[in-house]
């Protein structure tokens, strides 16, 4: 796992979704399947992983590993 800094995200994150209304200056998580639908976020504390999925269809959008102390 590699940690990303704010500068890394600024260089790598670019929104190309024509239905998105973000300003392109921050990381915004939305599903390509249903961009206007909400998100379901589940945190598994035993392994430190966030699972983010579309609230409408359940499609997995992203998993994020959280550094545990």
C-alpha atoms as a PDB file:
ATOM      1  CA  UNK A   1       0.000   0.000   0.000  1.00  0.00           C
ATOM      2  CA  UNK A   2       1.261   3.465  -0.891  1.00  0.00           C
ATOM      3  CA  UNK A   3       0.086   6.586   0.878  1.00  0.00           C
ATOM      4  CA  UNK A   4      -1.014   9.443  -1.367  1.00  0.00           C
ATOM      5  CA  UNK A   5      -0.386  13.052  -0.461  1.00  0.00           C
ATOM      6  CA  UNK A   6      -2.685  15.945  -1.358  1.00  0.00           C
ATOM      7  CA  UNK A   7      -0.272  16.864  -4.161  1.00  0.00           C
ATOM      8  CA  UNK A   8      -0.518  13.309  -5.571  1.00  0.00           C
ATOM      9  CA  UNK A   9      -4.306  13.523  -5.585  1.00  0.00           C
ATOM     10  CA  UNK A  10      -4.273  16.970  -7.192  1.00  0.00           C
ATOM     11  CA  UNK A  11      -2.158  15.607 -10.066  1.00  0.00           C
ATOM     12  CA  UNK A  12      -4.027  12.314 -10.513  1.00  0.00           C
ATOM     13  CA  UNK A  13      -7.679  13.176  -9.956  1.00  0.00           C
ATOM     14  CA  UNK A  14      -9.506  14.492 -12.986  1.00  0.00           C
ATOM     15  CA  UNK A  15     -13.228  14.087 -13.459  1.00  0.00           C
ATOM     16  CA  UNK A  16     -14.308  12.985 -16.943  1.00  0.00           C
ATOM     17  CA  UNK A  17     -17.927  12.163 -16.108  1.00  0.00           C
ATOM     18  CA  UNK A  18     -20.233  14.401 -18.202  1.00  0.00           C
ATOM     19  CA  UNK A  19     -23.028  14.065 -15.598  1.00  0.00           C
ATOM     20  CA  UNK A  20     -20.861  15.155 -12.667  1.00  0.00           C
ATOM     21  CA  UNK A  21     -21.269  18.607 -11.176  1.00  0.00           C
ATOM     22  CA  UNK A  22     -18.033  18.663  -9.168  1.00  0.00           C
ATOM     23  CA  UNK A  23     -15.652  21.558  -9.652  1.00  0.00           C
ATOM     24  CA  UNK A  24     -12.686  19.264 -10.360  1.00  0.00           C
ATOM     25  CA  UNK A  25     -10.724  20.635  -7.395  1.00  0.00           C
ATOM     26  CA  UNK A  26     -11.482  17.912  -4.869  1.00  0.00           C
ATOM     27  CA  UNK A  27     -11.796  14.171  -4.764  1.00  0.00           C
ATOM     28  CA  UNK A  28     -15.448  13.283  -5.286  1.00  0.00           C
ATOM     29  CA  UNK A  29     -16.627   9.694  -5.232  1.00  0.00           C
ATOM     30  CA  UNK A  30     -19.639   8.901  -7.362  1.00  0.00           C
ATOM     31  CA  UNK A  31     -20.655   5.790  -9.207  1.00  0.00           C
ATOM     32  CA  UNK A  32     -20.536   5.846 -12.989  1.00  0.00           C
ATOM     33  CA  UNK A  33     -23.586   3.590 -12.914  1.00  0.00           C
ATOM     34  CA  UNK A  34     -25.825   6.139 -11.115  1.00  0.00           C
ATOM     35  CA  UNK A  35     -23.908   9.440 -10.674  1.00  0.00           C
ATOM     36  CA  UNK A  36     -26.757  11.185  -8.867  1.00  0.00           C
ATOM     37  CA  UNK A  37     -27.449   8.318  -6.449  1.00  0.00           C
ATOM     38  CA  UNK A  38     -26.045   8.290  -2.952  1.00  0.00           C
ATOM     39  CA  UNK A  39     -23.286   6.059  -1.665  1.00  0.00           C
ATOM     40  CA  UNK A  40     -23.273   3.237   0.842  1.00  0.00           C
ATOM     41  CA  UNK A  41     -20.113   3.130   2.956  1.00  0.00           C
ATOM     42  CA  UNK A  42     -19.269   0.109   5.096  1.00  0.00           C
ATOM     43  CA  UNK A  43     -16.265   0.065   7.420  1.00  0.00           C
ATOM     44  CA  UNK A  44     -14.731  -3.283   8.397  1.00  0.00           C
ATOM     45  CA  UNK A  45     -12.881  -2.386  11.596  1.00  0.00           C
ATOM     46  CA  UNK A  46     -11.098  -5.735  11.858  1.00  0.00           C
ATOM     47  CA  UNK A  47      -9.117  -5.123   8.648  1.00  0.00           C
ATOM     48  CA  UNK A  48      -9.387  -1.335   8.358  1.00  0.00           C
ATOM     49  CA  UNK A  49     -11.132  -1.228   4.972  1.00  0.00           C
ATOM     50  CA  UNK A  50     -13.885   1.115   3.772  1.00  0.00           C
ATOM     51  CA  UNK A  51     -16.074  -0.310   1.018  1.00  0.00           C
ATOM     52  CA  UNK A  52     -17.920   2.304  -1.005  1.00  0.00           C
ATOM     53  CA  UNK A  53     -20.754   1.215  -3.265  1.00  0.00           C
ATOM     54  CA  UNK A  54     -23.656   2.705  -5.215  1.00  0.00           C
ATOM     55  CA  UNK A  55     -26.741   3.082  -2.996  1.00  0.00           C
ATOM     56  CA  UNK A  56     -29.031   2.362  -5.949  1.00  0.00           C
ATOM     57  CA  UNK A  57     -27.563  -0.803  -7.498  1.00  0.00           C
ATOM     58  CA  UNK A  58     -24.860  -1.889  -5.022  1.00  0.00           C
ATOM     59  CA  UNK A  59     -21.995  -1.770  -7.529  1.00  0.00           C
ATOM     60  CA  UNK A  60     -18.645  -1.536  -5.710  1.00  0.00           C
ATOM     61  CA  UNK A  61     -17.073   1.850  -6.469  1.00  0.00           C
ATOM     62  CA  UNK A  62     -13.950   1.765  -4.352  1.00  0.00           C
ATOM     63  CA  UNK A  63     -12.230   0.225  -1.375  1.00  0.00           C
ATOM     64  CA  UNK A  64      -9.980   2.325   0.826  1.00  0.00           C
ATOM     65  CA  UNK A  65      -7.509   0.922   3.336  1.00  0.00           C
ATOM     66  CA  UNK A  66      -7.334   2.947   6.527  1.00  0.00           C
ATOM     67  CA  UNK A  67      -4.046   2.969   8.430  1.00  0.00           C
ATOM     68  CA  UNK A  68      -4.678   1.353  11.796  1.00  0.00           C
ATOM     69  CA  UNK A  69      -2.807   2.615  14.880  1.00  0.00           C
END
